[in-house]
Amino acid sequence: MEVQDRIKIAAAFACLVLGVVGYYLLDPALGGLRALSVVVGIVLAGGISLTSMPGKGFIEFSKESVAEVKKVVWPTRKETVQLTMLVFGFVVALAIFMWIVDGTLAWLFYDLFLGRGK
């Protein structure tokens, strides 16, 4: 990373820190102004950091990610409902199976082996 990029990242971090410090230094009665100091710090930090090479790389990565998401074939509503019902059915079947196994093991150990059920 070049020196200019390091300076930009440091300046962005400083803006972010100053926004948060401003929030704590301002009087609590000035709630809107306190919140505004944080928002301004975040916006300035974002603007400064996006002008650096890592920021430009992030913008390029974001554009490529959006392009890839547009290529995704999303399931139809019918497919989504069917798969959701399949998952719910599997969960119910697994719950019943676990209930049966738990009951069987409890009966086996407590009633049969230890004789505590009597």
PDB file of N, CA and C in Angstrom:
ATOM      1  N   MET A   1       0.851  -1.167   0.000  1.00  0.00           N
ATOM      2  CA  MET A   1       0.000   0.000   0.000  1.00  0.00           C
ATOM      3  C   MET A   1       0.900   1.234   0.000  1.00  0.00           C
ATOM      4  N   GLU A   2       0.539   2.191  -0.808  1.00  0.00           N
ATOM      5  CA  GLU A   2       1.343   3.405  -0.926  1.00  0.00           C
ATOM      6  C   GLU A   2       1.157   4.304   0.286  1.00  0.00           C
ATOM      7  N   VAL A   3       2.063   5.265   0.416  1.00  0.00           N
ATOM      8  CA  VAL A   3       2.024   6.191   1.545  1.00  0.00           C
ATOM      9  C   VAL A   3       0.744   7.017   1.512  1.00  0.00           C
ATOM     10  N   GLN A   4       0.337   7.434   0.310  1.00  0.00           N
ATOM     11  CA  GLN A   4      -0.877   8.250   0.205  1.00  0.00           C
ATOM     12  C   GLN A   4      -2.097   7.466   0.686  1.00  0.00           C
ATOM     13  N   ASP A   5      -2.152   6.183   0.378  1.00  0.00           N
ATOM     14  CA  ASP A   5      -3.269   5.356   0.817  1.00  0.00           C
ATOM     15  C   ASP A   5      -3.262   5.190   2.334  1.00  0.00           C
ATOM     16  N   ARG A   6      -2.080   5.036   2.887  1.00  0.00           N
ATOM     17  CA  ARG A   6      -1.975   4.922   4.348  1.00  0.00           C
ATOM     18  C   ARG A   6      -2.453   6.203   5.020  1.00  0.00           C
ATOM     19  N   ILE A   7      -2.099   7.332   4.455  1.00  0.00           N
ATOM     20  CA  ILE A   7      -2.533   8.619   5.010  1.00  0.00           C
ATOM     21  C   ILE A   7      -4.052   8.744   4.908  1.00  0.00           C
ATOM     22  N   LYS A   8      -4.613   8.344   3.780  1.00  0.00           N
ATOM     23  CA  LYS A   8      -6.068   8.413   3.615  1.00  0.00           C
ATOM     24  C   LYS A   8      -6.794   7.512   4.611  1.00  0.00           C
ATOM     25  N   ILE A   9      -6.278   6.314   4.803  1.00  0.00           N
ATOM     26  CA  ILE A   9      -6.893   5.390   5.760  1.00  0.00           C
ATOM     27  C   ILE A   9      -6.776   5.945   7.175  1.00  0.00           C
ATOM     28  N   ALA A  10      -5.620   6.534   7.509  1.00  0.00           N
ATOM     29  CA  ALA A  10      -5.436   7.133   8.838  1.00  0.00           C
ATOM     30  C   ALA A  10      -6.391   8.313   9.025  1.00  0.00           C
ATOM     31  N   ALA A  11      -6.550   9.132   7.981  1.00  0.00           N
ATOM     32  CA  ALA A  11      -7.469  10.265   8.071  1.00  0.00           C
ATOM     33  C   ALA A  11      -8.909   9.780   8.228  1.00  0.00           C
ATOM     34  N   ALA A  12      -9.272   8.723   7.532  1.00  0.00           N
ATOM     35  CA  ALA A  12     -10.621   8.170   7.666  1.00  0.00           C
ATOM     36  C   ALA A  12     -10.849   7.657   9.074  1.00  0.00           C
ATOM     37  N   PHE A  13      -9.851   6.967   9.625  1.00  0.00           N
ATOM     38  CA  PHE A  13      -9.968   6.468  10.998  1.00  0.00           C
ATOM     39  C   PHE A  13     -10.075   7.634  11.980  1.00  0.00           C
ATOM     40  N   ALA A  14      -9.309   8.693  11.736  1.00  0.00           N
ATOM     41  CA  ALA A  14      -9.362   9.871  12.604  1.00  0.00           C
ATOM     42  C   ALA A  14     -10.752  10.514  12.555  1.00  0.00           C
ATOM     43  N   CYS A  15     -11.348  10.608  11.377  1.00  0.00           N
ATOM     44  CA  CYS A  15     -12.699  11.163  11.260  1.00  0.00           C
ATOM     45  C   CYS A  15     -13.707  10.315  12.034  1.00  0.00           C
ATOM     46  N   LEU A  16     -13.551   9.030  11.934  1.00  0.00           N
ATOM     47  CA  LEU A  16     -14.445   8.121  12.653  1.00  0.00           C
ATOM     48  C   LEU A  16     -14.288   8.302  14.162  1.00  0.00           C
ATOM     49  N   VAL A  17     -13.051   8.361  14.625  1.00  0.00           N
ATOM     50  CA  VAL A  17     -12.796   8.549  16.052  1.00  0.00           C
ATOM     51  C   VAL A  17     -13.304   9.907  16.519  1.00  0.00           C
ATOM     52  N   LEU A  18     -13.092  10.952  15.730  1.00  0.00           N
ATOM     53  CA  LEU A  18     -13.562  12.284  16.104  1.00  0.00           C
ATOM     54  C   LEU A  18     -15.084  12.336  16.177  1.00  0.00           C
ATOM     55  N   GLY A  19     -15.752  11.624  15.295  1.00  0.00           N
ATOM     56  CA  GLY A  19     -17.213  11.580  15.361  1.00  0.00           C
ATOM     57  C   GLY A  19     -17.703  10.943  16.645  1.00  0.00           C
ATOM     58  N   VAL A  20     -17.067   9.847  17.048  1.00  0.00           N
ATOM     59  CA  VAL A  20     -17.457   9.166  18.288  1.00  0.00           C
ATOM     60  C   VAL A  20     -17.073  10.011  19.500  1.00  0.00           C
ATOM     61  N   VAL A  21     -15.889  10.625  19.479  1.00  0.00           N
ATOM     62  CA  VAL A  21     -15.472  11.489  20.581  1.00  0.00           C
ATOM     63  C   VAL A  21     -16.419  12.683  20.692  1.00  0.00           C
ATOM     64  N   GLY A  22     -16.818  13.236  19.555  1.00  0.00           N
ATOM     65  CA  GLY A  22     -17.770  14.341  19.565  1.00  0.00           C
ATOM     66  C   GLY A  22     -19.081  13.955  20.221  1.00  0.00           C
ATOM     67  N   TYR A  23     -19.508  12.731  20.006  1.00  0.00           N
ATOM     68  CA  TYR A  23     -20.736  12.238  20.629  1.00  0.00           C
ATOM     69  C   TYR A  23     -20.631  12.295  22.149  1.00  0.00           C
ATOM     70  N   TYR A  24     -19.494  11.883  22.677  1.00  0.00           N
ATOM     71  CA  TYR A  24     -19.335  11.841  24.126  1.00  0.00           C
ATOM     72  C   TYR A  24     -19.008  13.202  24.731  1.00  0.00           C
ATOM     73  N   LEU A  25     -18.417  14.112  23.954  1.00  0.00           N
ATOM     74  CA  LEU A  25     -18.076  15.426  24.479  1.00  0.00           C
ATOM     75  C   LEU A  25     -19.256  16.389  24.473  1.00  0.00           C
ATOM     76  N   LEU A  26     -20.193  16.219  23.558  1.00  0.00           N
ATOM     77  CA  LEU A  26     -21.335  17.126  23.491  1.00  0.00           C
ATOM     78  C   LEU A  26     -22.307  16.852  24.628  1.00  0.00           C
ATOM     79  N   ASP A  27     -23.028  17.887  25.000  1.00  0.00           N
ATOM     80  CA  ASP A  27     -24.007  17.799  26.085  1.00  0.00           C
ATOM     81  C   ASP A  27     -25.114  16.816  25.713  1.00  0.00           C
ATOM     82  N   PRO A  28     -25.504  15.936  26.634  1.00  0.00           N
ATOM     83  CA  PRO A  28     -26.570  14.963  26.334  1.00  0.00           C
ATOM     84  C   PRO A  28     -27.896  15.601  25.920  1.00  0.00           C
ATOM     85  N   ALA A  29     -28.112  16.865  26.297  1.00  0.00           N
ATOM     86  CA  ALA A  29     -29.342  17.544  25.892  1.00  0.00           C
ATOM     87  C   ALA A  29     -29.373  17.776  24.378  1.00  0.00           C
ATOM     88  N   LEU A  30     -28.219  17.762  23.751  1.00  0.00           N
ATOM     89  CA  LEU A  30     -28.121  17.957  22.308  1.00  0.00           C
ATOM     90  C   LEU A  30     -28.086  16.596  21.611  1.00  0.00           C
ATOM     91  N   GLY A  31     -29.103  15.795  21.851  1.00  0.00           N
ATOM     92  CA  GLY A  31     -29.122  14.421  21.334  1.00  0.00           C
ATOM     93  C   GLY A  31     -28.976  14.341  19.825  1.00  0.00           C
ATOM     94  N   GLY A  32     -29.693  15.203  19.100  1.00  0.00           N
ATOM     95  CA  GLY A  32     -29.626  15.186  17.640  1.00  0.00           C
ATOM     96  C   GLY A  32     -28.246  15.564  17.132  1.00  0.00           C
ATOM     97  N   LEU A  33     -27.644  16.557  17.776  1.00  0.00           N
ATOM     98  CA  LEU A  33     -26.313  16.993  17.362  1.00  0.00           C
ATOM     99  C   LEU A  33     -25.275  15.926  17.685  1.00  0.00           C
ATOM    100  N   ARG A  34     -25.466  15.237  18.812  1.00  0.00           N
ATOM    101  CA  ARG A  34     -24.549  14.152  19.169  1.00  0.00           C
ATOM    102  C   ARG A  34     -24.594  13.052  18.112  1.00  0.00           C
ATOM    103  N   ALA A  35     -25.803  12.650  17.732  1.00  0.00           N
ATOM    104  CA  ALA A  35     -25.956  11.609  16.717  1.00  0.00           C
ATOM    105  C   ALA A  35     -25.401  12.076  15.379  1.00  0.00           C
ATOM    106  N   LEU A  36     -25.610  13.346  15.075  1.00  0.00           N
ATOM    107  CA  LEU A  36     -25.118  13.901  13.817  1.00  0.00           C
ATOM    108  C   LEU A  36     -23.587  13.857  13.764  1.00  0.00           C
ATOM    109  N   SER A  37     -22.927  14.056  14.906  1.00  0.00           N
ATOM    110  CA  SER A  37     -21.465  14.008  14.891  1.00  0.00           C
ATOM    111  C   SER A  37     -20.973  12.615  14.510  1.00  0.00           C
ATOM    112  N   VAL A  38     -21.657  11.582  14.983  1.00  0.00           N
ATOM    113  CA  VAL A  38     -21.260  10.219  14.630  1.00  0.00           C
ATOM    114  C   VAL A  38     -21.538   9.955  13.152  1.00  0.00           C
ATOM    115  N   VAL A  39     -22.706  10.387  12.686  1.00  0.00           N
ATOM    116  CA  VAL A  39     -23.059  10.172  11.275  1.00  0.00           C
ATOM    117  C   VAL A  39     -22.077  10.896  10.361  1.00  0.00           C
ATOM    118  N   VAL A  40     -21.746  12.137  10.692  1.00  0.00           N
ATOM    119  CA  VAL A  40     -20.799  12.895   9.873  1.00  0.00           C
ATOM    120  C   VAL A  40     -19.427  12.216   9.893  1.00  0.00           C
ATOM    121  N   GLY A  41     -19.018  11.721  11.047  1.00  0.00           N
ATOM    122  CA  GLY A  41     -17.736  11.007  11.137  1.00  0.00           C
ATOM    123  C   GLY A  41     -17.720   9.771  10.262  1.00  0.00           C
ATOM    124  N   ILE A  42     -18.815   9.023  10.274  1.00  0.00           N
ATOM    125  CA  ILE A  42     -18.896   7.813   9.448  1.00  0.00           C
ATOM    126  C   ILE A  42     -18.896   8.162   7.966  1.00  0.00           C
ATOM    127  N   VAL A  43     -19.667   9.179   7.594  1.00  0.00           N
ATOM    128  CA  VAL A  43     -19.741   9.567   6.172  1.00  0.00           C
ATOM    129  C   VAL A  43     -18.391  10.073   5.689  1.00  0.00           C
ATOM    130  N   LEU A  44     -17.749  10.922   6.484  1.00  0.00           N
ATOM    131  CA  LEU A  44     -16.427  11.422   6.078  1.00  0.00           C
ATOM    132  C   LEU A  44     -15.410  10.289   5.995  1.00  0.00           C
ATOM    133  N   ALA A  45     -15.428   9.397   6.975  1.00  0.00           N
ATOM    134  CA  ALA A  45     -14.495   8.266   6.954  1.00  0.00           C
ATOM    135  C   ALA A  45     -14.734   7.400   5.726  1.00  0.00           C
ATOM    136  N   GLY A  46     -15.994   7.145   5.420  1.00  0.00           N
ATOM    137  CA  GLY A  46     -16.305   6.342   4.235  1.00  0.00           C
ATOM    138  C   GLY A  46     -15.870   7.021   2.960  1.00  0.00           C
ATOM    139  N   GLY A  47     -16.149   8.322   2.857  1.00  0.00           N
ATOM    140  CA  GLY A  47     -15.758   9.055   1.660  1.00  0.00           C
ATOM    141  C   GLY A  47     -14.260   9.097   1.455  1.00  0.00           C
ATOM    142  N   ILE A  48     -13.535   9.328   2.531  1.00  0.00           N
ATOM    143  CA  ILE A  48     -12.075   9.378   2.427  1.00  0.00           C
ATOM    144  C   ILE A  48     -11.504   8.005   2.103  1.00  0.00           C
ATOM    145  N   SER A  49     -12.004   6.972   2.781  1.00  0.00           N
ATOM    146  CA  SER A  49     -11.429   5.634   2.564  1.00  0.00           C
ATOM    147  C   SER A  49     -11.739   5.094   1.174  1.00  0.00           C
ATOM    148  N   LEU A  50     -12.862   5.505   0.592  1.00  0.00           N
ATOM    149  CA  LEU A  50     -13.195   5.011  -0.745  1.00  0.00           C
ATOM    150  C   LEU A  50     -12.334   5.632  -1.835  1.00  0.00           C
ATOM    151  N   THR A  51     -11.587   6.695  -1.515  1.00  0.00           N
ATOM    152  CA  THR A  51     -10.685   7.285  -2.513  1.00  0.00           C
ATOM    153  C   THR A  51      -9.325   6.596  -2.528  1.00  0.00           C
ATOM    154  N   SER A  52      -9.055   5.745  -1.547  1.00  0.00           N
ATOM    155  CA  SER A  52      -7.775   5.025  -1.513  1.00  0.00           C
ATOM    156  C   SER A  52      -7.862   3.786  -2.407  1.00  0.00           C
ATOM    157  N   MET A  53      -6.719   3.169  -2.649  1.00  0.00           N
ATOM    158  CA  MET A  53      -6.703   1.954  -3.482  1.00  0.00           C
ATOM    159  C   MET A  53      -7.496   0.811  -2.841  1.00  0.00           C
ATOM    160  N   PRO A  54      -7.364   0.567  -1.535  1.00  0.00           N
ATOM    161  CA  PRO A  54      -8.207  -0.474  -0.946  1.00  0.00           C
ATOM    162  C   PRO A  54      -9.701  -0.142  -1.066  1.00  0.00           C
ATOM    163  N   GLY A  55     -10.041   1.127  -0.938  1.00  0.00           N
ATOM    164  CA  GLY A  55     -11.439   1.533  -1.095  1.00  0.00           C
ATOM    165  C   GLY A  55     -11.935   1.329  -2.511  1.00  0.00           C
ATOM    166  N   LYS A  56     -11.099   1.658  -3.485  1.00  0.00           N
ATOM    167  CA  LYS A  56     -11.476   1.434  -4.880  1.00  0.00           C
ATOM    168  C   LYS A  56     -11.597  -0.056  -5.173  1.00  0.00           C
ATOM    169  N   GLY A  57     -10.715  -0.842  -4.554  1.00  0.00           N
ATOM    170  CA  GLY A  57     -10.821  -2.299  -4.699  1.00  0.00           C
ATOM    171  C   GLY A  57     -12.112  -2.824  -4.096  1.00  0.00           C
ATOM    172  N   PHE A  58     -12.528  -2.236  -2.973  1.00  0.00           N
ATOM    173  CA  PHE A  58     -13.783  -2.628  -2.343  1.00  0.00           C
ATOM    174  C   PHE A  58     -14.969  -2.302  -3.241  1.00  0.00           C
ATOM    175  N   ILE A  59     -14.931  -1.141  -3.875  1.00  0.00           N
ATOM    176  CA  ILE A  59     -16.009  -0.755  -4.796  1.00  0.00           C
ATOM    177  C   ILE A  59     -16.074  -1.731  -5.961  1.00  0.00           C
ATOM    178  N   GLU A  60     -14.928  -2.090  -6.514  1.00  0.00           N
ATOM    179  CA  GLU A  60     -14.880  -3.041  -7.632  1.00  0.00           C
ATOM    180  C   GLU A  60     -15.402  -4.407  -7.198  1.00  0.00           C
ATOM    181  N   PHE A  61     -14.991  -4.842  -6.014  1.00  0.00           N
ATOM    182  CA  PHE A  61     -15.476  -6.119  -5.477  1.00  0.00           C
ATOM    183  C   PHE A  61     -16.991  -6.090  -5.299  1.00  0.00           C
ATOM    184  N   SER A  62     -17.507  -4.980  -4.812  1.00  0.00           N
ATOM    185  CA  SER A  62     -18.957  -4.860  -4.622  1.00  0.00           C
ATOM    186  C   SER A  62     -19.701  -4.937  -5.951  1.00  0.00           C
ATOM    187  N   LYS A  63     -19.181  -4.271  -6.960  1.00  0.00           N
ATOM    188  CA  LYS A  63     -19.814  -4.320  -8.285  1.00  0.00           C
ATOM    189  C   LYS A  63     -19.816  -5.738  -8.838  1.00  0.00           C
ATOM    190  N   GLU A  64     -18.693  -6.438  -8.682  1.00  0.00           N
ATOM    191  CA  GLU A  64     -18.608  -7.817  -9.167  1.00  0.00           C
ATOM    192  C   GLU A  64     -19.545  -8.735  -8.372  1.00  0.00           C
ATOM    193  N   SER A  65     -19.683  -8.476  -7.092  1.00  0.00           N
ATOM    194  CA  SER A  65     -20.589  -9.285  -6.269  1.00  0.00           C
ATOM    195  C   SER A  65     -22.031  -9.107  -6.707  1.00  0.00           C
ATOM    196  N   VAL A  66     -22.422  -7.863  -6.994  1.00  0.00           N
ATOM    197  CA  VAL A  66     -23.782  -7.604  -7.467  1.00  0.00           C
ATOM    198  C   VAL A  66     -24.009  -8.304  -8.808  1.00  0.00           C
ATOM    199  N   ALA A  67     -23.011  -8.279  -9.684  1.00  0.00           N
ATOM    200  CA  ALA A  67     -23.132  -8.956 -10.976  1.00  0.00           C
ATOM    201  C   ALA A  67     -23.308 -10.460 -10.786  1.00  0.00           C
ATOM    202  N   GLU A  68     -22.580 -11.043  -9.832  1.00  0.00           N
ATOM    203  CA  GLU A  68     -22.711 -12.480  -9.574  1.00  0.00           C
ATOM    204  C   GLU A  68     -24.070 -12.824  -8.979  1.00  0.00           C
ATOM    205  N   VAL A  69     -24.577 -11.964  -8.099  1.00  0.00           N
ATOM    206  CA  VAL A  69     -25.902 -12.220  -7.504  1.00  0.00           C
ATOM    207  C   VAL A  69     -26.981 -12.174  -8.576  1.00  0.00           C
ATOM    208  N   LYS A  70     -26.810 -11.329  -9.569  1.00  0.00           N
ATOM    209  CA  LYS A  70     -27.793 -11.249 -10.654  1.00  0.00           C
ATOM    210  C   LYS A  70     -27.798 -12.521 -11.493  1.00  0.00           C
ATOM    211  N   LYS A  71     -26.700 -13.285 -11.474  1.00  0.00           N
ATOM    212  CA  LYS A  71     -26.624 -14.527 -12.238  1.00  0.00           C
ATOM    213  C   LYS A  71     -27.289 -15.697 -11.528  1.00  0.00           C
ATOM    214  N   VAL A  72     -27.570 -15.536 -10.235  1.00  0.00           N
ATOM    215  CA  VAL A  72     -28.130 -16.631  -9.447  1.00  0.00           C
ATOM    216  C   VAL A  72     -29.559 -16.919  -9.918  1.00  0.00           C
ATOM    217  N   VAL A  73     -29.866 -18.205 -10.047  1.00  0.00           N
ATOM    218  CA  VAL A  73     -31.222 -18.613 -10.394  1.00  0.00           C
ATOM    219  C   VAL A  73     -31.944 -18.897  -9.081  1.00  0.00           C
ATOM    220  N   TRP A  74     -32.865 -18.011  -8.719  1.00  0.00           N
ATOM    221  CA  TRP A  74     -33.574 -18.137  -7.462  1.00  0.00           C
ATOM    222  C   TRP A  74     -34.736 -19.101  -7.612  1.00  0.00           C
ATOM    223  N   PRO A  75     -35.065 -19.856  -6.561  1.00  0.00           N
ATOM    224  CA  PRO A  75     -36.188 -20.795  -6.657  1.00  0.00           C
ATOM    225  C   PRO A  75     -37.523 -20.048  -6.757  1.00  0.00           C
ATOM    226  N   THR A  76     -38.482 -20.723  -7.375  1.00  0.00           N
ATOM    227  CA  THR A  76     -39.811 -20.123  -7.481  1.00  0.00           C
ATOM    228  C   THR A  76     -40.493 -20.197  -6.117  1.00  0.00           C
ATOM    229  N   ARG A  77     -41.616 -19.525  -6.014  1.00  0.00           N
ATOM    230  CA  ARG A  77     -42.368 -19.542  -4.752  1.00  0.00           C
ATOM    231  C   ARG A  77     -42.809 -20.963  -4.418  1.00  0.00           C
ATOM    232  N   LYS A  78     -43.252 -21.692  -5.432  1.00  0.00           N
ATOM    233  CA  LYS A  78     -43.715 -23.059  -5.212  1.00  0.00           C
ATOM    234  C   LYS A  78     -42.572 -23.933  -4.689  1.00  0.00           C
ATOM    235  N   GLU A  79     -41.394 -23.822  -5.300  1.00  0.00           N
ATOM    236  CA  GLU A  79     -40.237 -24.602  -4.855  1.00  0.00           C
ATOM    237  C   GLU A  79     -39.843 -24.235  -3.424  1.00  0.00           C
ATOM    238  N   THR A  80     -39.911 -22.949  -3.105  1.00  0.00           N
ATOM    239  CA  THR A  80     -39.563 -22.505  -1.761  1.00  0.00           C
ATOM    240  C   THR A  80     -40.519 -23.081  -0.737  1.00  0.00           C
ATOM    241  N   VAL A  81     -41.810 -23.037  -1.031  1.00  0.00           N
ATOM    242  CA  VAL A  81     -42.807 -23.578  -0.105  1.00  0.00           C
ATOM    243  C   VAL A  81     -42.613 -25.086   0.053  1.00  0.00           C
ATOM    244  N   GLN A  82     -42.379 -25.794  -1.049  1.00  0.00           N
ATOM    245  CA  GLN A  82     -42.197 -27.238  -0.977  1.00  0.00           C
ATOM    246  C   GLN A  82     -40.975 -27.612  -0.143  1.00  0.00           C
ATOM    247  N   LEU A  83     -39.868 -26.922  -0.357  1.00  0.00           N
ATOM    248  CA  LEU A  83     -38.658 -27.221   0.412  1.00  0.00           C
ATOM    249  C   LEU A  83     -38.831 -26.859   1.887  1.00  0.00           C
ATOM    250  N   THR A  84     -39.543 -25.771   2.163  1.00  0.00           N
ATOM    251  CA  THR A  84     -39.797 -25.394   3.548  1.00  0.00           C
ATOM    252  C   THR A  84     -40.646 -26.449   4.243  1.00  0.00           C
ATOM    253  N   MET A  85     -41.671 -26.931   3.563  1.00  0.00           N
ATOM    254  CA  MET A  85     -42.513 -27.981   4.143  1.00  0.00           C
ATOM    255  C   MET A  85     -41.713 -29.281   4.345  1.00  0.00           C
ATOM    256  N   LEU A  86     -40.809 -29.561   3.430  1.00  0.00           N
ATOM    257  CA  LEU A  86     -39.956 -30.739   3.572  1.00  0.00           C
ATOM    258  C   LEU A  86     -39.072 -30.619   4.828  1.00  0.00           C
ATOM    259  N   VAL A  87     -38.516 -29.444   5.033  1.00  0.00           N
ATOM    260  CA  VAL A  87     -37.682 -29.216   6.221  1.00  0.00           C
ATOM    261  C   VAL A  87     -38.524 -29.348   7.484  1.00  0.00           C
ATOM    262  N   PHE A  88     -39.704 -28.733   7.511  1.00  0.00           N
ATOM    263  CA  PHE A  88     -40.573 -28.850   8.681  1.00  0.00           C
ATOM    264  C   PHE A  88     -40.952 -30.308   8.933  1.00  0.00           C
ATOM    265  N   GLY A  89     -41.263 -31.040   7.893  1.00  0.00           N
ATOM    266  CA  GLY A  89     -41.606 -32.450   8.043  1.00  0.00           C
ATOM    267  C   GLY A  89     -40.444 -33.246   8.608  1.00  0.00           C
ATOM    268  N   PHE A  90     -39.253 -32.971   8.127  1.00  0.00           N
ATOM    269  CA  PHE A  90     -38.070 -33.664   8.634  1.00  0.00           C
ATOM    270  C   PHE A  90     -37.837 -33.335  10.103  1.00  0.00           C
ATOM    271  N   VAL A  91     -38.031 -32.074  10.478  1.00  0.00           N
ATOM    272  CA  VAL A  91     -37.845 -31.674  11.875  1.00  0.00           C
ATOM    273  C   VAL A  91     -38.853 -32.381  12.767  1.00  0.00           C
ATOM    274  N   VAL A  92     -40.109 -32.465  12.330  1.00  0.00           N
ATOM    275  CA  VAL A  92     -41.136 -33.155  13.117  1.00  0.00           C
ATOM    276  C   VAL A  92     -40.793 -34.643  13.230  1.00  0.00           C
ATOM    277  N   ALA A  93     -40.396 -35.263  12.124  1.00  0.00           N
ATOM    278  CA  ALA A  93     -40.046 -36.679  12.155  1.00  0.00           C
ATOM    279  C   ALA A  93     -38.852 -36.916  13.078  1.00  0.00           C
ATOM    280  N   LEU A  94     -37.857 -36.056  13.025  1.00  0.00           N
ATOM    281  CA  LEU A  94     -36.694 -36.198  13.892  1.00  0.00           C
ATOM    282  C   LEU A  94     -37.077 -35.998  15.355  1.00  0.00           C
ATOM    283  N   ALA A  95     -37.964 -35.047  15.625  1.00  0.00           N
ATOM    284  CA  ALA A  95     -38.407 -34.823  17.000  1.00  0.00           C
ATOM    285  C   ALA A  95     -39.142 -36.041  17.539  1.00  0.00           C
ATOM    286  N   ILE A  96     -39.995 -36.634  16.730  1.00  0.00           N
ATOM    287  CA  ILE A  96     -40.718 -37.837  17.161  1.00  0.00           C
ATOM    288  C   ILE A  96     -39.737 -38.983  17.396  1.00  0.00           C
ATOM    289  N   PHE A  97     -38.768 -39.134  16.506  1.00  0.00           N
ATOM    290  CA  PHE A  97     -37.760 -40.182  16.665  1.00  0.00           C
ATOM    291  C   PHE A  97     -36.970 -39.979  17.960  1.00  0.00           C
ATOM    292  N   MET A  98     -36.540 -38.749  18.213  1.00  0.00           N
ATOM    293  CA  MET A  98     -35.781 -38.475  19.433  1.00  0.00           C
ATOM    294  C   MET A  98     -36.635 -38.706  20.680  1.00  0.00           C
ATOM    295  N   TRP A  99     -37.926 -38.378  20.622  1.00  0.00           N
ATOM    296  CA  TRP A  99     -38.840 -38.608  21.736  1.00  0.00           C
ATOM    297  C   TRP A  99     -38.956 -40.112  22.024  1.00  0.00           C
ATOM    298  N   ILE A 100     -39.065 -40.893  20.956  1.00  0.00           N
ATOM    299  CA  ILE A 100     -39.167 -42.347  21.122  1.00  0.00           C
ATOM    300  C   ILE A 100     -37.867 -42.920  21.697  1.00  0.00           C
ATOM    301  N   VAL A 101     -36.734 -42.492  21.173  1.00  0.00           N
ATOM    302  CA  VAL A 101     -35.444 -42.978  21.675  1.00  0.00           C
ATOM    303  C   VAL A 101     -35.263 -42.577  23.133  1.00  0.00           C
ATOM    304  N   ASP A 102     -35.596 -41.338  23.474  1.00  0.00           N
ATOM    305  CA  ASP A 102     -35.462 -40.877  24.859  1.00  0.00           C
ATOM    306  C   ASP A 102     -36.364 -41.679  25.791  1.00  0.00           C
ATOM    307  N   GLY A 103     -37.596 -41.891  25.382  1.00  0.00           N
ATOM    308  CA  GLY A 103     -38.520 -42.674  26.206  1.00  0.00           C
ATOM    309  C   GLY A 103     -38.061 -44.108  26.376  1.00  0.00           C
ATOM    310  N   THR A 104     -37.565 -44.682  25.315  1.00  0.00           N
ATOM    311  CA  THR A 104     -37.087 -46.069  25.374  1.00  0.00           C
ATOM    312  C   THR A 104     -35.870 -46.181  26.293  1.00  0.00           C
ATOM    313  N   LEU A 105     -34.924 -45.274  26.157  1.00  0.00           N
ATOM    314  CA  LEU A 105     -33.740 -45.311  27.016  1.00  0.00           C
ATOM    315  C   LEU A 105     -34.097 -45.045  28.467  1.00  0.00           C
ATOM    316  N   ALA A 106     -35.026 -44.106  28.705  1.00  0.00           N
ATOM    317  CA  ALA A 106     -35.449 -43.836  30.082  1.00  0.00           C
ATOM    318  C   ALA A 106     -36.102 -45.074  30.685  1.00  0.00           C
ATOM    319  N   TRP A 107     -36.978 -45.711  29.925  1.00  0.00           N
ATOM    320  CA  TRP A 107     -37.636 -46.929  30.419  1.00  0.00           C
ATOM    321  C   TRP A 107     -36.595 -48.019  30.666  1.00  0.00           C
ATOM    322  N   LEU A 108     -35.665 -48.181  29.721  1.00  0.00           N
ATOM    323  CA  LEU A 108     -34.664 -49.231  29.817  1.00  0.00           C
ATOM    324  C   LEU A 108     -33.781 -49.052  31.056  1.00  0.00           C
ATOM    325  N   PHE A 109     -33.261 -47.841  31.258  1.00  0.00           N
ATOM    326  CA  PHE A 109     -32.335 -47.635  32.367  1.00  0.00           C
ATOM    327  C   PHE A 109     -33.041 -47.471  33.711  1.00  0.00           C
ATOM    328  N   TYR A 110     -34.079 -46.623  33.753  1.00  0.00           N
ATOM    329  CA  TYR A 110     -34.708 -46.341  35.041  1.00  0.00           C
ATOM    330  C   TYR A 110     -35.630 -47.464  35.519  1.00  0.00           C
ATOM    331  N   ASP A 111     -36.451 -47.985  34.627  1.00  0.00           N
ATOM    332  CA  ASP A 111     -37.414 -48.982  35.037  1.00  0.00           C
ATOM    333  C   ASP A 111     -36.820 -50.395  35.054  1.00  0.00           C
ATOM    334  N   LEU A 112     -36.157 -50.761  34.003  1.00  0.00           N
ATOM    335  CA  LEU A 112     -35.700 -52.133  33.865  1.00  0.00           C
ATOM    336  C   LEU A 112     -34.424 -52.409  34.665  1.00  0.00           C
ATOM    337  N   PHE A 113     -33.383 -51.563  34.459  1.00  0.00           N
ATOM    338  CA  PHE A 113     -32.103 -51.831  35.111  1.00  0.00           C
ATOM    339  C   PHE A 113     -32.057 -51.354  36.559  1.00  0.00           C
ATOM    340  N   LEU A 114     -32.535 -50.156  36.827  1.00  0.00           N
ATOM    341  CA  LEU A 114     -32.417 -49.597  38.171  1.00  0.00           C
ATOM    342  C   LEU A 114     -33.633 -49.852  39.052  1.00  0.00           C
ATOM    343  N   GLY A 115     -34.761 -50.189  38.443  1.00  0.00           N
ATOM    344  CA  GLY A 115     -35.981 -50.488  39.187  1.00  0.00           C
ATOM    345  C   GLY A 115     -36.556 -49.299  39.924  1.00  0.00           C
ATOM    346  N   ARG A 116     -36.337 -48.084  39.442  1.00  0.00           N
ATOM    347  CA  ARG A 116     -36.848 -46.882  40.106  1.00  0.00           C
ATOM    348  C   ARG A 116     -38.277 -46.568  39.725  1.00  0.00           C
ATOM    349  N   GLY A 117     -38.793 -47.172  38.695  1.00  0.00           N
ATOM    350  CA  GLY A 117     -40.149 -46.858  38.235  1.00  0.00           C
ATOM    351  C   GLY A 117     -41.222 -47.481  39.086  1.00  0.00           C
ATOM    352  N   LYS A 118     -40.888 -48.345  40.021  1.00  0.00           N
ATOM    353  CA  LYS A 118     -41.898 -49.065  40.807  1.00  0.00           C
ATOM    354  C   LYS A 118     -42.108 -48.436  42.155  1.00  0.00           C
TER     355      LYS A 118
END
